[in-house]
């Protein structure tokens, strides 16, 4: 159960202030079971060559404010603050998101129990498996359709889905799936779409005009 933020801008943005505000929101927010978002964090950002760069840490995001200054300006960036549901999955840097491929950057927030797929998907933990499943779908469908198909696959092959929120960017658009069956105060996603900047976030930040996504909705900005 985590938090994420995705930003798209027409011009390169200084990221530090976004990270400061997001990190404070994460520090204050508690998961439905009272846990924190302190099991590491990460950021992916698009550079001048339109390649995804990645910084990740196992420290709480609010303890890394000095690192925020080292993140360069970018038109696209995705931030993830992790709350691990399982003690034995903490302190592994490779489990921290965002996950990136050559084209895409991905973040996930949710809680799913009893997933049993009729086919094999690589990955050591649930978020990695969802990421790899999405990559397979993206080979033959556009991002919007892929997210819709992924949702149906997970719902059909899981014992219970408390929430399934996914953020994705291809360096052109932001895409998000918002799905939850309980705890809407925690699992709702919000988006702001202005001519110069678009944002999708687990937390309402800054002075943007945010709207709430409906449960089950896929949005493209």
N, C-alpha and C. Protein backbone atom coordinates (compact mmCIF):
# COMPACT_ATOMS: atom_id res chain seq x y z
N UNK A 1 0.85 -1.18 0.00
CA UNK A 1 0.00 0.00 0.00
C UNK A 1 0.89 1.23 0.00
N UNK A 2 0.85 1.98 -1.07
CA UNK A 2 1.85 3.00 -1.33
C UNK A 2 1.20 4.30 -1.78
N UNK A 3 2.03 5.26 -2.16
CA UNK A 3 1.61 6.53 -2.73
C UNK A 3 2.38 6.76 -4.01
N UNK A 4 1.75 7.40 -5.00
CA UNK A 4 2.52 7.78 -6.18
C UNK A 4 2.05 9.11 -6.75
N UNK A 5 2.94 9.72 -7.53
CA UNK A 5 2.74 11.01 -8.17
C UNK A 5 3.32 10.94 -9.57
N UNK A 6 2.57 11.43 -10.56
CA UNK A 6 3.05 11.49 -11.94
C UNK A 6 2.81 12.90 -12.48
N UNK A 7 3.81 13.44 -13.16
CA UNK A 7 3.71 14.80 -13.68
C UNK A 7 4.19 14.84 -15.12
N UNK A 8 3.42 15.57 -15.95
CA UNK A 8 3.75 15.83 -17.35
C UNK A 8 3.69 17.33 -17.56
N UNK A 9 4.72 17.89 -18.20
CA UNK A 9 4.77 19.33 -18.40
C UNK A 9 5.23 19.66 -19.82
N UNK A 10 4.77 20.80 -20.32
CA UNK A 10 5.21 21.24 -21.64
C UNK A 10 6.64 21.73 -21.64
N UNK A 11 7.11 22.21 -20.49
CA UNK A 11 8.47 22.69 -20.33
C UNK A 11 9.13 21.96 -19.16
N UNK A 12 10.45 21.84 -19.16
CA UNK A 12 11.13 21.20 -18.02
C UNK A 12 10.80 21.90 -16.71
N UNK A 13 10.53 21.10 -15.69
CA UNK A 13 10.17 21.62 -14.38
C UNK A 13 11.27 21.34 -13.36
N UNK A 14 11.41 22.25 -12.39
CA UNK A 14 12.21 21.94 -11.21
C UNK A 14 11.39 20.98 -10.34
N UNK A 15 11.97 19.86 -10.00
CA UNK A 15 11.21 18.78 -9.36
C UNK A 15 11.24 18.89 -7.84
N UNK A 16 12.22 19.59 -7.28
CA UNK A 16 12.43 19.58 -5.83
C UNK A 16 11.17 19.96 -5.05
N UNK A 17 10.48 21.01 -5.45
CA UNK A 17 9.32 21.45 -4.68
C UNK A 17 8.19 20.41 -4.72
N UNK A 18 8.03 19.75 -5.85
CA UNK A 18 7.03 18.68 -5.93
C UNK A 18 7.38 17.56 -4.95
N UNK A 19 8.67 17.21 -4.91
CA UNK A 19 9.10 16.14 -4.01
C UNK A 19 8.94 16.53 -2.55
N UNK A 20 9.23 17.76 -2.23
CA UNK A 20 9.09 18.22 -0.84
C UNK A 20 7.64 18.12 -0.39
N UNK A 21 6.73 18.59 -1.21
CA UNK A 21 5.32 18.56 -0.84
C UNK A 21 4.79 17.13 -0.80
N UNK A 22 5.16 16.33 -1.78
CA UNK A 22 4.71 14.94 -1.82
C UNK A 22 5.25 14.16 -0.63
N UNK A 23 6.51 14.39 -0.28
CA UNK A 23 7.12 13.64 0.83
C UNK A 23 6.44 13.97 2.16
N UNK A 24 6.07 15.23 2.35
CA UNK A 24 5.38 15.61 3.58
C UNK A 24 4.00 14.98 3.65
N UNK A 25 3.31 14.91 2.51
CA UNK A 25 2.00 14.26 2.48
C UNK A 25 2.13 12.78 2.80
N UNK A 26 3.18 12.15 2.29
CA UNK A 26 3.40 10.73 2.56
C UNK A 26 3.71 10.49 4.03
N UNK A 27 4.45 11.40 4.64
CA UNK A 27 4.82 11.26 6.05
C UNK A 27 3.58 11.32 6.95
N UNK A 28 2.63 12.15 6.58
CA UNK A 28 1.42 12.33 7.39
C UNK A 28 0.40 11.22 7.15
N UNK A 29 0.39 10.66 5.96
CA UNK A 29 -0.63 9.69 5.58
C UNK A 29 -0.33 8.31 6.16
N UNK A 30 -1.35 7.66 6.68
CA UNK A 30 -1.24 6.29 7.17
C UNK A 30 -2.07 5.36 6.28
N UNK A 31 -1.60 4.14 6.13
CA UNK A 31 -2.34 3.13 5.39
C UNK A 31 -3.59 2.73 6.19
N UNK A 32 -4.55 2.03 5.58
CA UNK A 32 -5.75 1.62 6.32
C UNK A 32 -5.46 0.81 7.58
N UNK A 33 -4.34 0.09 7.61
CA UNK A 33 -4.00 -0.69 8.80
C UNK A 33 -3.03 0.06 9.73
N UNK A 34 -2.82 1.35 9.47
CA UNK A 34 -2.01 2.18 10.36
C UNK A 34 -0.53 2.21 10.05
N UNK A 35 -0.11 1.58 8.96
CA UNK A 35 1.30 1.56 8.59
C UNK A 35 1.67 2.89 7.92
N UNK A 36 2.97 3.04 7.59
CA UNK A 36 3.45 4.26 6.97
C UNK A 36 3.94 4.00 5.55
N UNK A 37 4.29 5.09 4.87
CA UNK A 37 4.88 5.00 3.53
C UNK A 37 6.39 5.18 3.62
N UNK A 38 7.04 4.47 4.57
CA UNK A 38 8.44 4.70 4.85
C UNK A 38 9.38 3.58 4.44
N UNK A 39 8.93 2.68 3.55
CA UNK A 39 9.76 1.53 3.16
C UNK A 39 10.51 1.78 1.86
N UNK A 40 10.96 3.01 1.69
CA UNK A 40 11.74 3.34 0.50
C UNK A 40 10.93 4.16 -0.49
N UNK A 41 11.66 4.69 -1.47
CA UNK A 41 11.00 5.50 -2.48
C UNK A 41 11.83 5.51 -3.74
N UNK A 42 11.26 6.08 -4.80
CA UNK A 42 12.00 6.19 -6.05
C UNK A 42 11.39 7.23 -6.96
N UNK A 43 12.18 7.67 -7.93
CA UNK A 43 11.70 8.60 -8.94
C UNK A 43 12.29 8.22 -10.29
N UNK A 44 11.48 8.25 -11.32
CA UNK A 44 11.94 8.11 -12.70
C UNK A 44 11.68 9.44 -13.40
N UNK A 45 12.60 9.86 -14.23
CA UNK A 45 12.43 11.12 -14.94
C UNK A 45 13.03 11.00 -16.34
N UNK A 46 12.41 11.70 -17.26
CA UNK A 46 12.83 11.65 -18.66
C UNK A 46 13.90 12.71 -18.90
N UNK A 47 15.03 12.31 -19.50
CA UNK A 47 16.10 13.27 -19.75
C UNK A 47 15.97 13.90 -21.13
N UNK A 48 16.96 14.69 -21.51
CA UNK A 48 16.90 15.42 -22.78
C UNK A 48 16.91 14.49 -23.99
N UNK A 49 17.40 13.28 -23.81
CA UNK A 49 17.41 12.29 -24.89
C UNK A 49 16.16 11.41 -24.88
N UNK A 50 15.19 11.79 -24.09
CA UNK A 50 13.94 11.04 -23.93
C UNK A 50 14.21 9.60 -23.48
N UNK A 51 15.12 9.48 -22.54
CA UNK A 51 15.40 8.21 -21.89
C UNK A 51 15.03 8.31 -20.41
N UNK A 52 14.50 7.20 -19.88
CA UNK A 52 14.11 7.20 -18.47
C UNK A 52 15.34 7.01 -17.58
N UNK A 53 15.49 7.89 -16.61
CA UNK A 53 16.51 7.78 -15.58
C UNK A 53 15.84 7.42 -14.27
N UNK A 54 16.58 6.80 -13.36
CA UNK A 54 15.97 6.25 -12.16
C UNK A 54 16.84 6.50 -10.94
N UNK A 55 16.20 6.95 -9.86
CA UNK A 55 16.84 7.00 -8.54
C UNK A 55 15.91 6.30 -7.56
N UNK A 56 16.48 5.37 -6.76
CA UNK A 56 15.69 4.66 -5.76
C UNK A 56 16.48 4.55 -4.47
N UNK A 57 15.76 4.46 -3.37
CA UNK A 57 16.38 4.36 -2.05
C UNK A 57 15.48 3.53 -1.14
N UNK A 58 16.08 2.85 -0.17
CA UNK A 58 15.28 2.11 0.82
C UNK A 58 14.95 2.98 2.03
N UNK A 59 15.42 4.23 2.03
CA UNK A 59 15.11 5.16 3.11
C UNK A 59 13.72 5.78 2.89
N UNK A 60 13.06 6.22 3.96
CA UNK A 60 11.80 6.95 3.79
C UNK A 60 12.01 8.19 2.92
N UNK A 61 11.06 8.50 2.10
CA UNK A 61 11.20 9.64 1.19
C UNK A 61 11.43 10.94 1.94
N UNK A 62 10.82 11.10 3.12
CA UNK A 62 10.97 12.35 3.88
C UNK A 62 12.34 12.48 4.55
N UNK A 63 13.13 11.42 4.54
CA UNK A 63 14.49 11.47 5.07
C UNK A 63 15.53 11.74 3.99
N UNK A 64 15.11 11.97 2.78
CA UNK A 64 16.05 12.12 1.66
C UNK A 64 15.91 13.48 0.98
N UNK A 65 15.55 14.48 1.72
CA UNK A 65 15.30 15.79 1.12
C UNK A 65 16.53 16.39 0.47
N UNK A 66 17.72 16.05 0.97
CA UNK A 66 18.94 16.55 0.35
C UNK A 66 19.13 15.97 -1.05
N UNK A 67 18.63 14.76 -1.26
CA UNK A 67 18.74 14.14 -2.59
C UNK A 67 17.84 14.81 -3.61
N UNK A 68 16.77 15.44 -3.15
CA UNK A 68 15.83 16.08 -4.08
C UNK A 68 16.54 17.13 -4.94
N UNK A 69 17.54 17.79 -4.37
CA UNK A 69 18.25 18.85 -5.09
C UNK A 69 19.06 18.31 -6.26
N UNK A 70 19.35 17.00 -6.23
CA UNK A 70 20.18 16.41 -7.28
C UNK A 70 19.38 15.91 -8.47
N UNK A 71 18.05 15.95 -8.37
CA UNK A 71 17.21 15.50 -9.48
C UNK A 71 17.09 16.64 -10.48
N UNK A 72 17.49 16.44 -11.73
CA UNK A 72 17.45 17.54 -12.71
C UNK A 72 16.03 17.87 -13.16
N UNK A 73 15.89 18.97 -13.85
CA UNK A 73 14.61 19.35 -14.42
C UNK A 73 14.15 18.30 -15.44
N UNK A 74 12.85 18.16 -15.57
CA UNK A 74 12.32 17.19 -16.52
C UNK A 74 10.88 17.55 -16.89
N UNK A 75 10.47 17.09 -18.08
CA UNK A 75 9.08 17.28 -18.51
C UNK A 75 8.17 16.16 -18.00
N UNK A 76 8.76 15.02 -17.68
CA UNK A 76 8.00 13.87 -17.19
C UNK A 76 8.71 13.28 -15.99
N UNK A 77 7.98 13.04 -14.90
CA UNK A 77 8.56 12.29 -13.80
C UNK A 77 7.47 11.57 -13.02
N UNK A 78 7.85 10.41 -12.47
CA UNK A 78 6.98 9.56 -11.67
C UNK A 78 7.67 9.30 -10.34
N UNK A 79 6.94 9.47 -9.25
CA UNK A 79 7.48 9.29 -7.90
C UNK A 79 6.65 8.25 -7.17
N UNK A 80 7.32 7.39 -6.38
CA UNK A 80 6.64 6.33 -5.65
C UNK A 80 7.20 6.24 -4.24
N UNK A 81 6.32 6.24 -3.25
CA UNK A 81 6.70 6.01 -1.85
C UNK A 81 6.10 4.69 -1.42
N UNK A 82 6.94 3.79 -0.93
CA UNK A 82 6.53 2.41 -0.70
C UNK A 82 6.11 2.13 0.74
N UNK A 83 5.06 1.34 0.86
CA UNK A 83 4.66 0.75 2.14
C UNK A 83 4.52 -0.75 1.89
N UNK A 84 5.49 -1.51 2.32
CA UNK A 84 5.49 -2.95 2.08
C UNK A 84 4.48 -3.65 2.99
N UNK A 85 3.70 -4.54 2.40
CA UNK A 85 2.70 -5.28 3.19
C UNK A 85 3.31 -6.46 3.92
N UNK A 86 4.55 -6.80 3.57
CA UNK A 86 5.18 -8.00 4.14
C UNK A 86 6.57 -7.66 4.66
N UNK A 87 6.85 -8.07 5.88
CA UNK A 87 8.12 -7.75 6.53
C UNK A 87 9.32 -8.28 5.76
N UNK A 88 9.18 -9.48 5.18
CA UNK A 88 10.32 -10.09 4.49
C UNK A 88 10.58 -9.50 3.10
N UNK A 89 9.76 -8.50 2.70
CA UNK A 89 9.97 -7.84 1.41
C UNK A 89 10.48 -6.41 1.56
N UNK A 90 10.88 -6.05 2.78
CA UNK A 90 11.41 -4.71 3.01
C UNK A 90 12.92 -4.68 2.81
N UNK A 91 13.44 -3.48 2.52
CA UNK A 91 14.88 -3.23 2.39
C UNK A 91 15.51 -3.92 1.19
N UNK A 92 14.73 -4.15 0.15
CA UNK A 92 15.24 -4.64 -1.12
C UNK A 92 15.08 -3.52 -2.15
N UNK A 93 16.19 -2.96 -2.59
CA UNK A 93 16.13 -1.82 -3.50
C UNK A 93 15.39 -2.16 -4.79
N UNK A 94 15.58 -3.39 -5.28
CA UNK A 94 14.97 -3.77 -6.55
C UNK A 94 13.46 -3.88 -6.47
N UNK A 95 12.91 -3.94 -5.25
CA UNK A 95 11.46 -3.98 -5.08
C UNK A 95 10.85 -2.58 -5.10
N UNK A 96 11.68 -1.55 -4.96
CA UNK A 96 11.17 -0.18 -4.93
C UNK A 96 10.87 0.30 -6.34
N UNK A 97 9.78 0.97 -6.47
CA UNK A 97 9.36 1.54 -7.74
C UNK A 97 9.81 3.00 -7.83
N UNK A 98 9.71 3.60 -9.01
CA UNK A 98 9.14 3.10 -10.25
C UNK A 98 9.96 1.97 -10.88
N UNK A 99 9.28 1.19 -11.74
CA UNK A 99 9.94 0.25 -12.62
C UNK A 99 9.96 0.88 -14.01
N UNK A 100 11.05 0.66 -14.74
CA UNK A 100 11.17 1.25 -16.07
C UNK A 100 11.58 0.21 -17.10
N UNK A 101 11.17 0.45 -18.33
CA UNK A 101 11.69 -0.25 -19.49
C UNK A 101 12.25 0.82 -20.41
N UNK A 102 12.61 0.46 -21.61
CA UNK A 102 13.15 1.46 -22.54
C UNK A 102 12.12 2.53 -22.84
N UNK A 103 10.84 2.15 -22.94
CA UNK A 103 9.78 3.09 -23.34
C UNK A 103 8.94 3.58 -22.18
N UNK A 104 8.70 2.72 -21.19
CA UNK A 104 7.69 3.01 -20.18
C UNK A 104 8.28 3.16 -18.77
N UNK A 105 7.54 3.93 -17.96
CA UNK A 105 7.78 3.98 -16.52
C UNK A 105 6.46 3.67 -15.82
N UNK A 106 6.55 2.93 -14.69
CA UNK A 106 5.36 2.33 -14.06
C UNK A 106 5.40 2.50 -12.56
N UNK A 107 4.22 2.78 -11.96
CA UNK A 107 4.06 2.80 -10.52
C UNK A 107 2.75 2.09 -10.17
N UNK A 108 2.72 1.53 -8.95
CA UNK A 108 1.57 0.72 -8.52
C UNK A 108 1.25 1.01 -7.06
N UNK A 109 -0.03 1.00 -6.75
CA UNK A 109 -0.51 1.15 -5.38
C UNK A 109 -1.74 0.26 -5.23
N UNK A 110 -1.68 -0.68 -4.31
CA UNK A 110 -2.85 -1.53 -4.13
C UNK A 110 -2.59 -2.67 -3.17
N UNK A 111 -3.62 -3.50 -3.03
CA UNK A 111 -3.50 -4.66 -2.16
C UNK A 111 -4.39 -5.76 -2.72
N UNK A 112 -3.74 -6.87 -3.12
CA UNK A 112 -4.43 -7.97 -3.79
C UNK A 112 -4.08 -9.26 -3.08
N UNK A 113 -5.05 -10.13 -2.91
CA UNK A 113 -4.82 -11.41 -2.26
C UNK A 113 -5.20 -12.57 -3.20
N UNK A 114 -4.42 -13.64 -3.09
CA UNK A 114 -4.77 -14.89 -3.75
C UNK A 114 -4.79 -14.83 -5.26
N UNK A 115 -3.75 -14.24 -5.87
CA UNK A 115 -3.69 -14.20 -7.33
C UNK A 115 -3.22 -15.54 -7.86
N UNK A 116 -3.97 -16.10 -8.80
CA UNK A 116 -3.62 -17.38 -9.42
C UNK A 116 -3.89 -17.28 -10.92
N UNK A 117 -2.84 -16.90 -11.66
CA UNK A 117 -2.99 -16.72 -13.10
C UNK A 117 -2.86 -18.06 -13.83
N UNK A 118 -3.55 -18.21 -14.95
CA UNK A 118 -3.47 -19.46 -15.72
C UNK A 118 -2.22 -19.54 -16.60
N UNK A 119 -1.31 -18.60 -16.42
CA UNK A 119 -0.06 -18.58 -17.18
C UNK A 119 1.02 -18.02 -16.27
N UNK A 120 2.28 -18.23 -16.64
CA UNK A 120 3.40 -17.82 -15.80
C UNK A 120 3.84 -16.41 -16.15
N UNK A 121 4.06 -15.60 -15.12
CA UNK A 121 4.59 -14.25 -15.27
C UNK A 121 5.79 -14.11 -14.35
N UNK A 122 6.88 -13.55 -14.86
CA UNK A 122 8.09 -13.42 -14.05
C UNK A 122 7.93 -12.31 -13.02
N UNK A 123 8.71 -12.41 -11.96
CA UNK A 123 8.70 -11.42 -10.89
C UNK A 123 8.75 -12.09 -9.54
N UNK A 124 9.41 -11.45 -8.58
CA UNK A 124 9.55 -12.01 -7.23
C UNK A 124 8.42 -11.58 -6.31
N UNK A 125 7.85 -10.38 -6.55
CA UNK A 125 6.76 -9.88 -5.71
C UNK A 125 5.61 -9.44 -6.62
N UNK A 126 4.48 -9.13 -6.00
CA UNK A 126 3.28 -8.84 -6.77
C UNK A 126 3.42 -7.67 -7.72
N UNK A 127 4.04 -6.57 -7.27
CA UNK A 127 4.17 -5.40 -8.14
C UNK A 127 5.01 -5.70 -9.37
N UNK A 128 6.06 -6.51 -9.21
CA UNK A 128 6.88 -6.90 -10.37
C UNK A 128 6.08 -7.75 -11.35
N UNK A 129 5.26 -8.65 -10.83
CA UNK A 129 4.44 -9.50 -11.70
C UNK A 129 3.41 -8.67 -12.47
N UNK A 130 2.80 -7.70 -11.79
CA UNK A 130 1.84 -6.84 -12.47
C UNK A 130 2.53 -6.03 -13.56
N UNK A 131 3.70 -5.52 -13.28
CA UNK A 131 4.49 -4.76 -14.25
C UNK A 131 4.83 -5.63 -15.46
N UNK A 132 5.27 -6.85 -15.23
CA UNK A 132 5.63 -7.72 -16.34
C UNK A 132 4.41 -8.16 -17.15
N UNK A 133 3.29 -8.35 -16.47
CA UNK A 133 2.05 -8.67 -17.18
C UNK A 133 1.64 -7.49 -18.07
N UNK A 134 1.74 -6.28 -17.54
CA UNK A 134 1.40 -5.10 -18.33
C UNK A 134 2.32 -4.96 -19.54
N UNK A 135 3.61 -5.21 -19.37
CA UNK A 135 4.54 -5.15 -20.50
C UNK A 135 4.14 -6.12 -21.61
N UNK A 136 3.68 -7.31 -21.23
CA UNK A 136 3.23 -8.28 -22.24
C UNK A 136 2.01 -7.76 -22.98
N UNK A 137 1.09 -7.16 -22.27
CA UNK A 137 -0.12 -6.61 -22.91
C UNK A 137 0.23 -5.44 -23.83
N UNK A 138 1.22 -4.64 -23.43
CA UNK A 138 1.61 -3.48 -24.22
C UNK A 138 2.27 -3.86 -25.55
N UNK A 139 2.67 -5.09 -25.68
CA UNK A 139 3.25 -5.55 -26.94
C UNK A 139 2.21 -5.61 -28.05
N UNK A 140 0.92 -5.71 -27.68
CA UNK A 140 -0.12 -5.86 -28.69
C UNK A 140 -1.29 -4.89 -28.56
N UNK A 141 -1.32 -4.11 -27.45
CA UNK A 141 -2.40 -3.16 -27.25
C UNK A 141 -1.83 -1.80 -26.84
N UNK A 142 -2.63 -0.74 -27.04
CA UNK A 142 -2.19 0.56 -26.57
C UNK A 142 -2.28 0.63 -25.05
N UNK A 143 -1.66 1.62 -24.41
CA UNK A 143 -1.65 1.65 -22.94
C UNK A 143 -3.04 1.67 -22.31
N UNK A 144 -3.96 2.46 -22.86
CA UNK A 144 -5.30 2.54 -22.29
C UNK A 144 -6.00 1.19 -22.30
N UNK A 145 -5.94 0.52 -23.44
CA UNK A 145 -6.57 -0.80 -23.55
C UNK A 145 -5.84 -1.83 -22.68
N UNK A 146 -4.54 -1.74 -22.62
CA UNK A 146 -3.75 -2.68 -21.81
C UNK A 146 -4.13 -2.60 -20.34
N UNK A 147 -4.32 -1.38 -19.83
CA UNK A 147 -4.70 -1.23 -18.43
C UNK A 147 -6.09 -1.80 -18.16
N UNK A 148 -7.00 -1.61 -19.10
CA UNK A 148 -8.35 -2.16 -18.94
C UNK A 148 -8.32 -3.68 -18.94
N UNK A 149 -7.52 -4.28 -19.83
CA UNK A 149 -7.42 -5.74 -19.88
C UNK A 149 -6.76 -6.27 -18.62
N UNK A 150 -5.70 -5.60 -18.17
CA UNK A 150 -5.02 -6.03 -16.95
C UNK A 150 -5.97 -6.06 -15.77
N UNK A 151 -6.78 -5.03 -15.65
CA UNK A 151 -7.76 -4.98 -14.55
C UNK A 151 -8.66 -6.21 -14.58
N UNK A 152 -9.18 -6.55 -15.74
CA UNK A 152 -10.09 -7.69 -15.85
C UNK A 152 -9.37 -9.01 -15.53
N UNK A 153 -8.11 -9.13 -15.95
CA UNK A 153 -7.35 -10.35 -15.65
C UNK A 153 -7.16 -10.50 -14.14
N UNK A 154 -6.75 -9.41 -13.47
CA UNK A 154 -6.52 -9.46 -12.03
C UNK A 154 -7.81 -9.74 -11.28
N UNK A 155 -8.89 -9.08 -11.64
CA UNK A 155 -10.16 -9.30 -10.95
C UNK A 155 -10.65 -10.73 -11.12
N UNK A 156 -10.47 -11.29 -12.29
CA UNK A 156 -10.95 -12.63 -12.58
C UNK A 156 -10.13 -13.70 -11.88
N UNK A 157 -8.86 -13.43 -11.62
CA UNK A 157 -7.96 -14.48 -11.13
C UNK A 157 -7.41 -14.19 -9.73
N UNK A 158 -8.14 -13.42 -8.93
CA UNK A 158 -7.72 -13.10 -7.57
C UNK A 158 -8.84 -13.42 -6.58
N UNK A 159 -8.44 -13.82 -5.39
CA UNK A 159 -9.42 -14.09 -4.34
C UNK A 159 -10.09 -12.81 -3.87
N UNK A 160 -9.31 -11.74 -3.73
CA UNK A 160 -9.87 -10.44 -3.37
C UNK A 160 -8.94 -9.34 -3.87
N UNK A 161 -9.54 -8.23 -4.27
CA UNK A 161 -8.78 -7.07 -4.73
C UNK A 161 -9.27 -5.86 -3.93
N UNK A 162 -8.49 -5.49 -2.93
CA UNK A 162 -8.84 -4.31 -2.14
C UNK A 162 -8.63 -3.05 -2.97
N UNK A 163 -7.54 -3.03 -3.74
CA UNK A 163 -7.28 -1.89 -4.62
C UNK A 163 -6.27 -2.29 -5.68
N UNK A 164 -6.39 -1.66 -6.85
CA UNK A 164 -5.48 -1.87 -7.96
C UNK A 164 -5.34 -0.54 -8.69
N UNK A 165 -4.37 0.26 -8.28
CA UNK A 165 -4.09 1.55 -8.89
C UNK A 165 -2.76 1.48 -9.62
N UNK A 166 -2.76 1.86 -10.89
CA UNK A 166 -1.55 1.79 -11.70
C UNK A 166 -1.35 3.11 -12.42
N UNK A 167 -0.10 3.59 -12.40
CA UNK A 167 0.29 4.76 -13.17
C UNK A 167 1.33 4.35 -14.20
N UNK A 168 1.24 4.94 -15.39
CA UNK A 168 2.13 4.58 -16.50
C UNK A 168 2.40 5.81 -17.34
N UNK A 169 3.62 5.90 -17.86
CA UNK A 169 3.94 6.95 -18.82
C UNK A 169 4.83 6.39 -19.92
N UNK A 170 4.58 6.86 -21.13
CA UNK A 170 5.42 6.50 -22.27
C UNK A 170 6.23 7.69 -22.75
N UNK A 171 6.30 8.75 -21.95
CA UNK A 171 7.02 9.95 -22.35
C UNK A 171 6.22 10.83 -23.29
N UNK A 172 5.00 10.45 -23.57
CA UNK A 172 4.08 11.25 -24.38
C UNK A 172 2.85 11.63 -23.56
N UNK A 173 2.30 10.63 -22.87
CA UNK A 173 1.11 10.81 -22.04
C UNK A 173 1.31 10.19 -20.67
N UNK A 174 0.40 10.55 -19.77
CA UNK A 174 0.24 9.86 -18.50
C UNK A 174 -1.02 9.01 -18.58
N UNK A 175 -0.94 7.79 -18.05
CA UNK A 175 -2.08 6.87 -18.04
C UNK A 175 -2.26 6.37 -16.60
N UNK A 176 -3.51 6.22 -16.19
CA UNK A 176 -3.74 5.70 -14.86
C UNK A 176 -5.00 4.86 -14.82
N UNK A 177 -4.92 3.78 -14.09
CA UNK A 177 -6.07 2.95 -13.74
C UNK A 177 -6.33 3.15 -12.25
N UNK A 178 -7.57 3.48 -11.90
CA UNK A 178 -7.97 3.60 -10.51
C UNK A 178 -9.06 2.57 -10.24
N UNK A 179 -8.76 1.62 -9.33
CA UNK A 179 -9.76 0.63 -8.95
C UNK A 179 -9.61 0.32 -7.47
N UNK A 180 -10.71 0.36 -6.75
CA UNK A 180 -10.70 -0.01 -5.34
C UNK A 180 -12.08 -0.51 -4.95
N UNK A 181 -12.10 -1.39 -3.95
CA UNK A 181 -13.35 -1.93 -3.44
C UNK A 181 -13.61 -1.49 -2.01
N UNK A 182 -12.64 -0.85 -1.38
CA UNK A 182 -12.80 -0.37 -0.02
C UNK A 182 -11.80 0.76 0.24
N UNK A 183 -11.95 1.43 1.37
CA UNK A 183 -11.05 2.50 1.79
C UNK A 183 -10.83 3.57 0.72
N UNK A 184 -11.91 4.17 0.22
CA UNK A 184 -11.74 5.18 -0.82
C UNK A 184 -10.94 6.40 -0.38
N UNK A 185 -10.96 6.71 0.91
CA UNK A 185 -10.17 7.85 1.39
C UNK A 185 -8.68 7.65 1.18
N UNK A 186 -8.26 6.39 1.17
CA UNK A 186 -6.85 6.08 0.96
C UNK A 186 -6.53 5.78 -0.50
N UNK A 187 -7.40 5.03 -1.16
CA UNK A 187 -7.07 4.51 -2.48
C UNK A 187 -7.52 5.36 -3.65
N UNK A 188 -8.26 6.42 -3.42
CA UNK A 188 -8.67 7.28 -4.53
C UNK A 188 -7.45 7.93 -5.19
N UNK A 189 -7.54 8.10 -6.51
CA UNK A 189 -6.54 8.86 -7.25
C UNK A 189 -7.16 10.18 -7.70
N UNK A 190 -6.30 11.18 -7.86
CA UNK A 190 -6.74 12.51 -8.25
C UNK A 190 -5.93 12.97 -9.47
N UNK A 191 -6.58 13.78 -10.31
CA UNK A 191 -5.85 14.28 -11.46
C UNK A 191 -6.18 15.76 -11.71
N UNK A 192 -5.20 16.46 -12.25
CA UNK A 192 -5.34 17.85 -12.68
C UNK A 192 -4.80 17.94 -14.09
N UNK A 193 -5.56 18.56 -14.98
CA UNK A 193 -5.16 18.62 -16.38
C UNK A 193 -5.28 20.05 -16.88
N UNK A 194 -4.12 20.73 -16.96
CA UNK A 194 -4.06 22.10 -17.44
C UNK A 194 -3.28 22.15 -18.75
N UNK A 195 -3.39 23.24 -19.51
CA UNK A 195 -2.66 23.33 -20.79
C UNK A 195 -1.15 23.14 -20.63
N UNK A 196 -0.58 23.58 -19.51
CA UNK A 196 0.87 23.53 -19.34
C UNK A 196 1.36 22.37 -18.50
N UNK A 197 0.47 21.76 -17.68
CA UNK A 197 0.91 20.70 -16.78
C UNK A 197 -0.25 19.75 -16.49
N UNK A 198 0.06 18.46 -16.42
CA UNK A 198 -0.91 17.43 -16.05
C UNK A 198 -0.33 16.62 -14.90
N UNK A 199 -1.19 16.28 -13.93
CA UNK A 199 -0.75 15.58 -12.73
C UNK A 199 -1.75 14.48 -12.39
N UNK A 200 -1.24 13.31 -12.01
CA UNK A 200 -2.05 12.24 -11.43
C UNK A 200 -1.37 11.86 -10.12
N UNK A 201 -2.14 11.81 -9.04
CA UNK A 201 -1.51 11.63 -7.73
C UNK A 201 -2.42 10.94 -6.74
N UNK A 202 -1.78 10.22 -5.81
CA UNK A 202 -2.50 9.67 -4.66
C UNK A 202 -2.85 10.75 -3.65
N UNK A 203 -2.14 11.87 -3.72
CA UNK A 203 -2.33 12.96 -2.78
C UNK A 203 -2.61 14.26 -3.54
N UNK A 204 -3.49 15.09 -2.99
CA UNK A 204 -3.73 16.41 -3.55
C UNK A 204 -2.60 17.33 -3.11
N UNK A 205 -1.85 17.87 -4.08
CA UNK A 205 -0.72 18.72 -3.75
C UNK A 205 -0.85 20.06 -4.47
N UNK A 206 -0.21 21.08 -3.92
CA UNK A 206 -0.13 22.41 -4.50
C UNK A 206 -1.51 22.99 -4.78
N UNK A 207 -1.53 24.04 -5.58
CA UNK A 207 -2.77 24.77 -5.83
C UNK A 207 -3.36 24.43 -7.19
N UNK A 208 -3.45 23.13 -7.47
CA UNK A 208 -4.04 22.70 -8.72
C UNK A 208 -5.50 22.30 -8.51
N UNK A 209 -6.27 22.36 -9.58
CA UNK A 209 -7.68 22.01 -9.53
C UNK A 209 -7.82 20.51 -9.77
N UNK A 210 -7.81 19.73 -8.70
CA UNK A 210 -7.84 18.28 -8.80
C UNK A 210 -9.27 17.75 -8.87
N UNK A 211 -9.40 16.66 -9.61
CA UNK A 211 -10.65 15.91 -9.67
C UNK A 211 -10.37 14.47 -9.27
N UNK A 212 -11.36 13.82 -8.70
CA UNK A 212 -11.21 12.44 -8.26
C UNK A 212 -11.59 11.47 -9.38
N UNK A 213 -10.76 10.47 -9.60
CA UNK A 213 -11.11 9.41 -10.54
C UNK A 213 -12.16 8.49 -9.91
N UNK A 214 -13.06 8.00 -10.72
CA UNK A 214 -14.04 7.03 -10.26
C UNK A 214 -13.39 5.66 -10.14
N UNK A 215 -13.92 4.83 -9.25
CA UNK A 215 -13.40 3.46 -9.13
C UNK A 215 -13.65 2.71 -10.43
N UNK A 216 -12.60 2.13 -10.98
CA UNK A 216 -12.68 1.41 -12.26
C UNK A 216 -12.32 2.25 -13.47
N UNK A 217 -12.05 3.53 -13.27
CA UNK A 217 -11.79 4.44 -14.38
C UNK A 217 -10.34 4.35 -14.86
N UNK A 218 -10.16 4.49 -16.18
CA UNK A 218 -8.85 4.65 -16.80
C UNK A 218 -8.81 6.05 -17.40
N UNK A 219 -7.77 6.81 -17.10
CA UNK A 219 -7.64 8.17 -17.60
C UNK A 219 -6.35 8.32 -18.39
N UNK A 220 -6.39 9.15 -19.43
CA UNK A 220 -5.22 9.46 -20.25
C UNK A 220 -5.07 10.97 -20.30
N UNK A 221 -3.89 11.46 -19.92
CA UNK A 221 -3.61 12.89 -19.94
C UNK A 221 -2.41 13.17 -20.81
